[in-house]
Amino acid sequence: MEPSKVDMTGKVCLITGGNSGIGKATALGLAKLNASVVIVSRDKDKGEATLIEIRGKSDNRNVDAMTADLSSQDSVRELAHDFRGRYKKLHVLINNAGIFLPRRVPTVDGLETTFATNHLGHFLLTNLLLDVLKASAPSRVINITSSAHRGTTIDFDDLQAEKKYSGYHAYSQSKLANVLFTYQLAKRLEGTGITVNCLHPGVVRTGFGKDVTGLMSILVRVGSPFMMSPEKSARAAIYLATSLELEGVTGKHFSRGREERSSTESYDAASAERLWNVSAKLTRLDA
């Protein structure tokens, strides 16, 4: 995987969770390739600060910041509406924002926050921007997942973890949902010129997981020196977003930029279909 040299002038890229970690490093990399980059962050001030930093480091004025809380469906709908008001094209959508919560927290919509943020928010945003992606084809959707999707299943009987909650299961289930969503969307978009792939960027040293406690916090601390820098892991995301050799490649799982089979559970077509239908209902997609 060579560092990208593709000139992205005139290409519009939208990145959720773009104010820190991999999202920020990916945004900077794309801005350096002359893309028009829109970063989405939950905190307006952090987004503005990142915007100024990326403009300065990339020497690219076409960097924009938008604010949205992906755990809130109204906020996601507002983001899609505002984006469409400002842009007529979208060539690359990178669904990157993600959280890990040690305790169960309900969202404003009454859903479990990890699932709502990591999966439902991106499911809704992507669907709301599909016609813009179609109008910009060839275009790409990249869902950031994790190796944590392995060894888990979607608990359809307790999707909102109302019966029992485990921070790790909630996170790994949401990451499996990212992969299932990728494959299902790729299938639905065949022939449209939109490709959909997912990426495990590697274990990255970011502020992610700073709220965890107990054993997980020890693992995060001990493992930190061995983790990849956001800059290094962002190379894979930039490669998926720009590489000419990936033109037309869709419905695949990549690990650190190389195509790789995902977990056995992630290829369960019935599970993917069921997850899509449940997600559409929970997000009132057809409303």
C-alpha atoms as a PDB file:
ATOM      1  CA  MET A   1       0.000   0.000   0.000  1.00  0.00           C
ATOM      2  CA  GLU A   2       1.794   3.072  -1.275  1.00  0.00           C
ATOM      3  CA  PRO A   3       1.107   6.505   0.225  1.00  0.00           C
ATOM      4  CA  SER A   4      -1.482   8.135  -2.008  1.00  0.00           C
ATOM      5  CA  LYS A   5      -0.406  10.653  -4.623  1.00  0.00           C
ATOM      6  CA  VAL A   6      -3.819  10.996  -6.286  1.00  0.00           C
ATOM      7  CA  ASP A   7      -4.858  14.573  -6.958  1.00  0.00           C
ATOM      8  CA  MET A   8      -8.256  14.983  -5.261  1.00  0.00           C
ATOM      9  CA  THR A   9      -8.977  18.498  -6.566  1.00  0.00           C
ATOM     10  CA  GLY A  10     -12.740  18.969  -6.903  1.00  0.00           C
ATOM     11  CA  LYS A  11     -13.541  15.871  -4.807  1.00  0.00           C
ATOM     12  CA  VAL A  12     -15.694  16.397  -1.706  1.00  0.00           C
ATOM     13  CA  CYS A  13     -14.932  14.181   1.315  1.00  0.00           C
ATOM     14  CA  LEU A  14     -17.027  14.031   4.500  1.00  0.00           C
ATOM     15  CA  ILE A  15     -15.489  12.495   7.655  1.00  0.00           C
ATOM     16  CA  THR A  16     -17.330  11.897  10.916  1.00  0.00           C
ATOM     17  CA  GLY A  17     -15.246  12.145  14.074  1.00  0.00           C
ATOM     18  CA  GLY A  18     -12.893  14.380  12.106  1.00  0.00           C
ATOM     19  CA  ASN A  19     -11.539  16.468  14.986  1.00  0.00           C
ATOM     20  CA  SER A  20      -9.246  13.869  16.593  1.00  0.00           C
ATOM     21  CA  GLY A  21      -7.376  10.595  16.107  1.00  0.00           C
ATOM     22  CA  ILE A  22      -7.660   8.754  12.803  1.00  0.00           C
ATOM     23  CA  GLY A  23     -10.432  11.044  11.551  1.00  0.00           C
ATOM     24  CA  LYS A  24      -8.299  14.131  11.951  1.00  0.00           C
ATOM     25  CA  ALA A  25      -5.202  12.493  10.431  1.00  0.00           C
ATOM     26  CA  THR A  26      -7.277  11.251   7.483  1.00  0.00           C
ATOM     27  CA  ALA A  27      -8.816  14.698   6.976  1.00  0.00           C
ATOM     28  CA  LEU A  28      -5.361  16.286   6.933  1.00  0.00           C
ATOM     29  CA  GLY A  29      -4.066  13.679   4.471  1.00  0.00           C
ATOM     30  CA  LEU A  30      -6.991  14.260   2.106  1.00  0.00           C
ATOM     31  CA  ALA A  31      -6.647  18.044   2.430  1.00  0.00           C
ATOM     32  CA  LYS A  32      -2.979  17.697   1.412  1.00  0.00           C
ATOM     33  CA  LEU A  33      -4.205  15.910  -1.750  1.00  0.00           C
ATOM     34  CA  ASN A  34      -6.312  19.041  -2.523  1.00  0.00           C
ATOM     35  CA  ALA A  35      -9.687  17.499  -1.686  1.00  0.00           C
ATOM     36  CA  SER A  36     -12.538  19.613  -0.311  1.00  0.00           C
ATOM     37  CA  VAL A  37     -12.764  18.159   3.187  1.00  0.00           C
ATOM     38  CA  VAL A  38     -15.695  18.446   5.594  1.00  0.00           C
ATOM     39  CA  ILE A  39     -15.006  17.303   9.152  1.00  0.00           C
ATOM     40  CA  VAL A  40     -17.871  16.480  11.471  1.00  0.00           C
ATOM     41  CA  SER A  41     -17.373  16.735  15.223  1.00  0.00           C
ATOM     42  CA  ARG A  42     -19.640  16.687  18.250  1.00  0.00           C
ATOM     43  CA  ASP A  43     -17.947  19.712  19.822  1.00  0.00           C
ATOM     44  CA  LYS A  44     -18.171  22.925  17.781  1.00  0.00           C
ATOM     45  CA  ASP A  45     -15.078  24.541  19.334  1.00  0.00           C
ATOM     46  CA  LYS A  46     -12.908  21.465  18.797  1.00  0.00           C
ATOM     47  CA  GLY A  47     -14.132  21.257  15.216  1.00  0.00           C
ATOM     48  CA  GLU A  48     -13.248  24.905  14.562  1.00  0.00           C
ATOM     49  CA  ALA A  49      -9.785  24.475  16.125  1.00  0.00           C
ATOM     50  CA  THR A  50      -9.128  21.393  13.973  1.00  0.00           C
ATOM     51  CA  LEU A  51     -10.347  23.242  10.893  1.00  0.00           C
ATOM     52  CA  ILE A  52      -7.810  26.034  11.443  1.00  0.00           C
ATOM     53  CA  GLU A  53      -5.031  23.507  12.096  1.00  0.00           C
ATOM     54  CA  ILE A  54      -5.772  21.457   8.964  1.00  0.00           C
ATOM     55  CA  ARG A  55      -6.022  24.539   6.768  1.00  0.00           C
ATOM     56  CA  GLY A  56      -2.645  25.720   8.089  1.00  0.00           C
ATOM     57  CA  LYS A  57      -0.855  22.374   7.720  1.00  0.00           C
ATOM     58  CA  SER A  58      -2.303  21.496   4.310  1.00  0.00           C
ATOM     59  CA  ASP A  59      -2.313  24.970   2.763  1.00  0.00           C
ATOM     60  CA  ASN A  60      -5.827  24.103   1.555  1.00  0.00           C
ATOM     61  CA  ARG A  61      -8.659  26.592   2.110  1.00  0.00           C
ATOM     62  CA  ASN A  62     -11.356  24.099   1.106  1.00  0.00           C
ATOM     63  CA  VAL A  63     -11.747  22.615   4.572  1.00  0.00           C
ATOM     64  CA  ASP A  64     -15.064  22.956   6.359  1.00  0.00           C
ATOM     65  CA  ALA A  65     -16.332  21.967   9.822  1.00  0.00           C
ATOM     66  CA  MET A  66     -19.839  20.868  10.740  1.00  0.00           C
ATOM     67  CA  THR A  67     -21.243  19.896  14.116  1.00  0.00           C
ATOM     68  CA  ALA A  68     -23.397  16.861  14.894  1.00  0.00           C
ATOM     69  CA  ASP A  69     -24.002  14.359  17.657  1.00  0.00           C
ATOM     70  CA  LEU A  70     -24.286  10.985  15.921  1.00  0.00           C
ATOM     71  CA  SER A  71     -26.167   9.497  18.873  1.00  0.00           C
ATOM     72  CA  SER A  72     -29.078  11.872  18.154  1.00  0.00           C
ATOM     73  CA  GLN A  73     -31.150  11.152  15.066  1.00  0.00           C
ATOM     74  CA  ASP A  74     -32.425  14.733  14.849  1.00  0.00           C
ATOM     75  CA  SER A  75     -28.813  15.920  14.896  1.00  0.00           C
ATOM     76  CA  VAL A  76     -27.874  13.484  12.098  1.00  0.00           C
ATOM     77  CA  ARG A  77     -30.858  14.619  10.000  1.00  0.00           C
ATOM     78  CA  GLU A  78     -29.843  18.233  10.539  1.00  0.00           C
ATOM     79  CA  LEU A  79     -26.263  17.432   9.483  1.00  0.00           C
ATOM     80  CA  ALA A  80     -27.453  15.777   6.257  1.00  0.00           C
ATOM     81  CA  HIS A  81     -29.758  18.735   5.559  1.00  0.00           C
ATOM     82  CA  ASP A  82     -26.996  21.304   6.200  1.00  0.00           C
ATOM     83  CA  PHE A  83     -24.485  19.375   4.106  1.00  0.00           C
ATOM     84  CA  ARG A  84     -26.895  19.215   1.163  1.00  0.00           C
ATOM     85  CA  GLY A  85     -27.465  22.936   1.520  1.00  0.00           C
ATOM     86  CA  ARG A  86     -23.749  23.649   1.150  1.00  0.00           C
ATOM     87  CA  TYR A  87     -22.621  20.904  -1.249  1.00  0.00           C
ATOM     88  CA  LYS A  88     -24.070  19.415  -4.386  1.00  0.00           C
ATOM     89  CA  LYS A  89     -21.526  16.580  -4.561  1.00  0.00           C
ATOM     90  CA  LEU A  90     -20.079  13.961  -2.207  1.00  0.00           C
ATOM     91  CA  HIS A  91     -17.363  11.668  -3.531  1.00  0.00           C
ATOM     92  CA  VAL A  92     -16.107  10.088  -0.308  1.00  0.00           C
ATOM     93  CA  LEU A  93     -18.026   9.454   2.916  1.00  0.00           C
ATOM     94  CA  ILE A  94     -15.913   8.116   5.794  1.00  0.00           C
ATOM     95  CA  ASN A  95     -18.018   6.886   8.712  1.00  0.00           C
ATOM     96  CA  ASN A  96     -15.335   7.043  11.374  1.00  0.00           C
ATOM     97  CA  ALA A  97     -16.759   8.404  14.645  1.00  0.00           C
ATOM     98  CA  GLY A  98     -16.900   5.819  17.413  1.00  0.00           C
ATOM     99  CA  ILE A  99     -17.265   5.531  21.175  1.00  0.00           C
ATOM    100  CA  PHE A 100     -16.747   2.956  23.909  1.00  0.00           C
ATOM    101  CA  LEU A 101     -18.796   3.331  27.089  1.00  0.00           C
ATOM    102  CA  PRO A 102     -18.197   1.328  30.275  1.00  0.00           C
ATOM    103  CA  ARG A 103     -21.774   1.910  31.459  1.00  0.00           C
ATOM    104  CA  ARG A 104     -25.100   1.847  29.647  1.00  0.00           C
ATOM    105  CA  VAL A 105     -26.254   5.346  28.723  1.00  0.00           C
ATOM    106  CA  PRO A 106     -29.538   6.012  26.892  1.00  0.00           C
ATOM    107  CA  THR A 107     -29.601   8.540  24.035  1.00  0.00           C
ATOM    108  CA  VAL A 108     -32.172  11.309  23.549  1.00  0.00           C
ATOM    109  CA  ASP A 109     -34.036   8.782  21.370  1.00  0.00           C
ATOM    110  CA  GLY A 110     -34.044   6.246  24.232  1.00  0.00           C
ATOM    111  CA  LEU A 111     -31.523   3.917  22.562  1.00  0.00           C
ATOM    112  CA  GLU A 112     -28.256   2.473  23.861  1.00  0.00           C
ATOM    113  CA  THR A 113     -25.555   5.044  23.037  1.00  0.00           C
ATOM    114  CA  THR A 114     -22.766   2.801  21.670  1.00  0.00           C
ATOM    115  CA  PHE A 115     -25.065   1.111  19.142  1.00  0.00           C
ATOM    116  CA  ALA A 116     -26.801   4.410  18.335  1.00  0.00           C
ATOM    117  CA  THR A 117     -23.533   6.273  17.685  1.00  0.00           C
ATOM    118  CA  ASN A 118     -21.315   3.639  16.098  1.00  0.00           C
ATOM    119  CA  HIS A 119     -23.971   2.026  13.901  1.00  0.00           C
ATOM    120  CA  LEU A 120     -27.360   3.752  13.708  1.00  0.00           C
ATOM    121  CA  GLY A 121     -25.998   7.305  13.301  1.00  0.00           C
ATOM    122  CA  HIS A 122     -23.866   6.227  10.342  1.00  0.00           C
ATOM    123  CA  PHE A 123     -26.625   4.021   8.908  1.00  0.00           C
ATOM    124  CA  LEU A 124     -28.971   7.011   8.901  1.00  0.00           C
ATOM    125  CA  LEU A 125     -26.429   9.561   7.656  1.00  0.00           C
ATOM    126  CA  THR A 126     -25.323   7.334   4.768  1.00  0.00           C
ATOM    127  CA  ASN A 127     -28.903   6.650   3.674  1.00  0.00           C
ATOM    128  CA  LEU A 128     -29.794  10.367   3.844  1.00  0.00           C
ATOM    129  CA  LEU A 129     -26.819  11.215   1.603  1.00  0.00           C
ATOM    130  CA  LEU A 130     -27.225   8.368  -0.903  1.00  0.00           C
ATOM    131  CA  ASP A 131     -28.707  10.489  -3.670  1.00  0.00           C
ATOM    132  CA  VAL A 132     -25.804  12.984  -3.385  1.00  0.00           C
ATOM    133  CA  LEU A 133     -23.341  10.056  -3.549  1.00  0.00           C
ATOM    134  CA  LYS A 134     -25.199   8.683  -6.594  1.00  0.00           C
ATOM    135  CA  ALA A 135     -25.087  12.083  -8.299  1.00  0.00           C
ATOM    136  CA  SER A 136     -21.309  12.175  -7.712  1.00  0.00           C
ATOM    137  CA  ALA A 137     -20.499   8.619  -8.872  1.00  0.00           C
ATOM    138  CA  PRO A 138     -17.986   7.098  -8.948  1.00  0.00           C
ATOM    139  CA  SER A 139     -18.084   7.661  -5.191  1.00  0.00           C
ATOM    140  CA  ARG A 140     -17.031   5.717  -2.108  1.00  0.00           C
ATOM    141  CA  VAL A 141     -18.376   4.913   1.345  1.00  0.00           C
ATOM    142  CA  ILE A 142     -15.823   3.710   3.912  1.00  0.00           C
ATOM    143  CA  ASN A 143     -16.985   2.368   7.262  1.00  0.00           C
ATOM    144  CA  ILE A 144     -14.338   2.231   9.975  1.00  0.00           C
ATOM    145  CA  THR A 145     -14.710  -0.993  11.917  1.00  0.00           C
ATOM    146  CA  SER A 146     -12.426  -2.920  14.277  1.00  0.00           C
ATOM    147  CA  SER A 147     -11.002  -6.394  14.817  1.00  0.00           C
ATOM    148  CA  ALA A 148     -13.306  -6.328  17.882  1.00  0.00           C
ATOM    149  CA  HIS A 149     -16.100  -7.378  15.486  1.00  0.00           C
ATOM    150  CA  ARG A 150     -14.655 -10.902  15.579  1.00  0.00           C
ATOM    151  CA  GLY A 151     -16.040 -13.470  17.990  1.00  0.00           C
ATOM    152  CA  THR A 152     -19.357 -11.745  18.581  1.00  0.00           C
ATOM    153  CA  THR A 153     -22.910 -11.839  17.241  1.00  0.00           C
ATOM    154  CA  ILE A 154     -25.757  -9.332  17.041  1.00  0.00           C
ATOM    155  CA  ASP A 155     -28.030  -9.855  20.034  1.00  0.00           C
ATOM    156  CA  PHE A 156     -31.356  -9.109  18.343  1.00  0.00           C
ATOM    157  CA  ASP A 157     -33.251 -10.101  21.500  1.00  0.00           C
ATOM    158  CA  ASP A 158     -31.506  -7.399  23.535  1.00  0.00           C
ATOM    159  CA  LEU A 159     -30.164  -4.957  20.951  1.00  0.00           C
ATOM    160  CA  GLN A 160     -30.389  -2.001  23.343  1.00  0.00           C
ATOM    161  CA  ALA A 161     -28.719  -3.942  26.201  1.00  0.00           C
ATOM    162  CA  GLU A 162     -31.676  -3.390  28.501  1.00  0.00           C
ATOM    163  CA  LYS A 163     -31.365  -6.835  30.097  1.00  0.00           C
ATOM    164  CA  LYS A 164     -27.607  -6.762  30.609  1.00  0.00           C
ATOM    165  CA  TYR A 165     -24.828  -4.412  29.557  1.00  0.00           C
ATOM    166  CA  SER A 166     -21.159  -5.046  28.850  1.00  0.00           C
ATOM    167  CA  GLY A 167     -19.125  -2.179  27.418  1.00  0.00           C
ATOM    168  CA  TYR A 168     -16.973  -4.553  25.404  1.00  0.00           C
ATOM    169  CA  HIS A 169     -19.936  -6.476  23.952  1.00  0.00           C
ATOM    170  CA  ALA A 170     -21.783  -3.252  23.098  1.00  0.00           C
ATOM    171  CA  TYR A 171     -18.683  -2.010  21.270  1.00  0.00           C
ATOM    172  CA  SER A 172     -17.866  -5.287  19.466  1.00  0.00           C
ATOM    173  CA  GLN A 173     -21.522  -5.725  18.451  1.00  0.00           C
ATOM    174  CA  SER A 174     -21.566  -2.186  16.996  1.00  0.00           C
ATOM    175  CA  LYS A 175     -18.385  -2.959  15.032  1.00  0.00           C
ATOM    176  CA  LEU A 176     -19.924  -6.169  13.659  1.00  0.00           C
ATOM    177  CA  ALA A 177     -22.944  -4.063  12.695  1.00  0.00           C
ATOM    178  CA  ASN A 178     -20.572  -1.809  10.704  1.00  0.00           C
ATOM    179  CA  VAL A 179     -19.364  -4.821   8.687  1.00  0.00           C
ATOM    180  CA  LEU A 180     -22.864  -6.265   8.122  1.00  0.00           C
ATOM    181  CA  PHE A 181     -24.064  -2.810   7.057  1.00  0.00           C
ATOM    182  CA  THR A 182     -21.134  -2.524   4.624  1.00  0.00           C
ATOM    183  CA  TYR A 183     -21.967  -5.800   2.881  1.00  0.00           C
ATOM    184  CA  GLN A 184     -25.704  -5.163   2.774  1.00  0.00           C
ATOM    185  CA  LEU A 185     -25.303  -1.620   1.427  1.00  0.00           C
ATOM    186  CA  ALA A 186     -22.772  -2.771  -1.189  1.00  0.00           C
ATOM    187  CA  LYS A 187     -25.331  -5.345  -2.381  1.00  0.00           C
ATOM    188  CA  ARG A 188     -28.100  -2.744  -2.556  1.00  0.00           C
ATOM    189  CA  LEU A 189     -25.924  -0.274  -4.455  1.00  0.00           C
ATOM    190  CA  GLU A 190     -24.621  -2.626  -7.152  1.00  0.00           C
ATOM    191  CA  GLY A 191     -24.514  -0.829 -10.479  1.00  0.00           C
ATOM    192  CA  THR A 192     -24.844   2.686  -9.020  1.00  0.00           C
ATOM    193  CA  GLY A 193     -21.153   3.581  -9.171  1.00  0.00           C
ATOM    194  CA  ILE A 194     -20.971   3.807  -5.358  1.00  0.00           C
ATOM    195  CA  THR A 195     -18.544   1.397  -3.702  1.00  0.00           C
ATOM    196  CA  VAL A 196     -18.868   0.445  -0.026  1.00  0.00           C
ATOM    197  CA  ASN A 197     -16.001  -1.062   1.967  1.00  0.00           C
ATOM    198  CA  CYS A 198     -15.010  -1.313   5.615  1.00  0.00           C
ATOM    199  CA  LEU A 199     -11.641  -0.907   7.257  1.00  0.00           C
ATOM    200  CA  HIS A 200     -10.004  -2.075  10.463  1.00  0.00           C
ATOM    201  CA  PRO A 201      -7.271   0.592  10.684  1.00  0.00           C
ATOM    202  CA  GLY A 202      -5.136  -1.232  13.259  1.00  0.00           C
ATOM    203  CA  VAL A 203      -4.950  -0.647  16.993  1.00  0.00           C
ATOM    204  CA  VAL A 204      -4.450   3.071  17.226  1.00  0.00           C
ATOM    205  CA  ARG A 205      -3.090   5.352  19.918  1.00  0.00           C
ATOM    206  CA  THR A 206      -5.862   7.956  20.278  1.00  0.00           C
ATOM    207  CA  GLY A 207      -7.985   9.470  23.058  1.00  0.00           C
ATOM    208  CA  PHE A 208     -10.396   6.616  22.375  1.00  0.00           C
ATOM    209  CA  GLY A 209     -11.274   4.529  25.429  1.00  0.00           C
ATOM    210  CA  LYS A 210     -10.173   7.182  27.908  1.00  0.00           C
ATOM    211  CA  ASP A 211     -13.424   6.712  29.855  1.00  0.00           C
ATOM    212  CA  VAL A 212     -12.917   3.002  30.412  1.00  0.00           C
ATOM    213  CA  THR A 213     -12.216   1.585  33.838  1.00  0.00           C
ATOM    214  CA  GLY A 214     -10.944  -1.650  35.351  1.00  0.00           C
ATOM    215  CA  LEU A 215      -9.117  -4.200  33.227  1.00  0.00           C
ATOM    216  CA  MET A 216      -9.790  -2.362  29.958  1.00  0.00           C
ATOM    217  CA  SER A 217      -8.112   0.806  31.264  1.00  0.00           C
ATOM    218  CA  ILE A 218      -5.009  -1.195  32.217  1.00  0.00           C
ATOM    219  CA  LEU A 219      -4.908  -2.781  28.757  1.00  0.00           C
ATOM    220  CA  VAL A 220      -5.262   0.623  27.079  1.00  0.00           C
ATOM    221  CA  ARG A 221      -2.428   2.058  29.227  1.00  0.00           C
ATOM    222  CA  VAL A 222      -0.075  -0.921  28.901  1.00  0.00           C
ATOM    223  CA  GLY A 223      -0.739  -1.342  25.192  1.00  0.00           C
ATOM    224  CA  SER A 224      -0.393   2.319  24.287  1.00  0.00           C
ATOM    225  CA  PRO A 225       3.353   2.293  23.403  1.00  0.00           C
ATOM    226  CA  PHE A 226       2.766  -0.611  20.993  1.00  0.00           C
ATOM    227  CA  MET A 227      -0.163   0.989  19.195  1.00  0.00           C
ATOM    228  CA  MET A 228       0.033   2.714  15.828  1.00  0.00           C
ATOM    229  CA  SER A 229       0.016   6.478  15.550  1.00  0.00           C
ATOM    230  CA  PRO A 230      -3.173   7.993  14.060  1.00  0.00           C
ATOM    231  CA  GLU A 231      -1.043   9.283  11.155  1.00  0.00           C
ATOM    232  CA  LYS A 232       0.177   5.803  10.252  1.00  0.00           C
ATOM    233  CA  SER A 233      -3.256   4.188  10.522  1.00  0.00           C
ATOM    234  CA  ALA A 234      -4.853   7.017   8.529  1.00  0.00           C
ATOM    235  CA  ARG A 235      -2.800   5.962   5.513  1.00  0.00           C
ATOM    236  CA  ALA A 236      -5.094   2.971   5.046  1.00  0.00           C
ATOM    237  CA  ALA A 237      -8.223   5.158   5.156  1.00  0.00           C
ATOM    238  CA  ILE A 238      -6.662   7.583   2.647  1.00  0.00           C
ATOM    239  CA  TYR A 239      -5.713   4.623   0.420  1.00  0.00           C
ATOM    240  CA  LEU A 240      -9.309   3.318   0.453  1.00  0.00           C
ATOM    241  CA  ALA A 241     -10.624   6.811  -0.271  1.00  0.00           C
ATOM    242  CA  THR A 242      -8.314   7.634  -3.167  1.00  0.00           C
ATOM    243  CA  SER A 243      -6.569   4.604  -4.691  1.00  0.00           C
ATOM    244  CA  LEU A 244      -7.202   4.125  -8.398  1.00  0.00           C
ATOM    245  CA  GLU A 245      -6.655   0.374  -8.075  1.00  0.00           C
ATOM    246  CA  LEU A 246      -9.690   0.144  -5.777  1.00  0.00           C
ATOM    247  CA  GLU A 247     -12.026   1.694  -8.340  1.00  0.00           C
ATOM    248  CA  GLY A 248     -15.078  -0.561  -8.551  1.00  0.00           C
ATOM    249  CA  VAL A 249     -13.977  -2.716  -5.585  1.00  0.00           C
ATOM    250  CA  THR A 250     -16.959  -3.029  -3.252  1.00  0.00           C
ATOM    251  CA  GLY A 251     -18.351  -5.093  -0.380  1.00  0.00           C
ATOM    252  CA  LYS A 252     -14.913  -5.879   1.048  1.00  0.00           C
ATOM    253  CA  HIS A 253     -13.259  -5.792   4.467  1.00  0.00           C
ATOM    254  CA  PHE A 254      -9.773  -4.331   4.711  1.00  0.00           C
ATOM    255  CA  SER A 255      -7.303  -4.559   7.566  1.00  0.00           C
ATOM    256  CA  ARG A 256      -4.637  -1.839   7.616  1.00  0.00           C
ATOM    257  CA  GLY A 257      -5.170  -1.309   3.890  1.00  0.00           C
ATOM    258  CA  ARG A 258      -5.095  -4.970   2.777  1.00  0.00           C
ATOM    259  CA  GLU A 259      -8.171  -6.919   1.787  1.00  0.00           C
ATOM    260  CA  GLU A 260      -8.956  -9.560   4.397  1.00  0.00           C
ATOM    261  CA  ARG A 261     -11.874 -11.848   5.257  1.00  0.00           C
ATOM    262  CA  SER A 262     -13.968 -10.589   8.150  1.00  0.00           C
ATOM    263  CA  SER A 263     -15.538 -12.844  10.796  1.00  0.00           C
ATOM    264  CA  THR A 264     -17.738 -15.802   9.846  1.00  0.00           C
ATOM    265  CA  GLU A 265     -20.746 -14.081  11.501  1.00  0.00           C
ATOM    266  CA  SER A 266     -20.316 -11.019   9.287  1.00  0.00           C
ATOM    267  CA  TYR A 267     -21.188 -13.049   6.163  1.00  0.00           C
ATOM    268  CA  ASP A 268     -24.574 -14.137   7.545  1.00  0.00           C
ATOM    269  CA  ALA A 269     -26.947 -12.723   4.919  1.00  0.00           C
ATOM    270  CA  ALA A 270     -30.062 -13.260   7.050  1.00  0.00           C
ATOM    271  CA  SER A 271     -28.464 -11.368   9.926  1.00  0.00           C
ATOM    272  CA  ALA A 272     -27.453  -8.507   7.592  1.00  0.00           C
ATOM    273  CA  GLU A 273     -30.978  -8.276   6.198  1.00  0.00           C
ATOM    274  CA  ARG A 274     -32.514  -8.361   9.671  1.00  0.00           C
ATOM    275  CA  LEU A 275     -30.118  -5.711  10.959  1.00  0.00           C
ATOM    276  CA  TRP A 276     -30.980  -3.457   7.995  1.00  0.00           C
ATOM    277  CA  ASN A 277     -34.721  -3.776   8.634  1.00  0.00           C
ATOM    278  CA  VAL A 278     -34.366  -3.157  12.382  1.00  0.00           C
ATOM    279  CA  SER A 279     -32.063  -0.174  11.739  1.00  0.00           C
ATOM    280  CA  ALA A 280     -34.476   1.332   9.200  1.00  0.00           C
ATOM    281  CA  LYS A 281     -37.285   1.011  11.740  1.00  0.00           C
ATOM    282  CA  LEU A 282     -35.250   2.452  14.646  1.00  0.00           C
ATOM    283  CA  THR A 283     -34.142   5.445  12.559  1.00  0.00           C
ATOM    284  CA  ARG A 284     -37.598   5.967  10.974  1.00  0.00           C
ATOM    285  CA  LEU A 285     -35.781   5.897   7.656  1.00  0.00           C
ATOM    286  CA  ASP A 286     -38.907   5.792   5.515  1.00  0.00           C
ATOM    287  CA  ALA A 287     -40.810   8.289   7.647  1.00  0.00           C
END
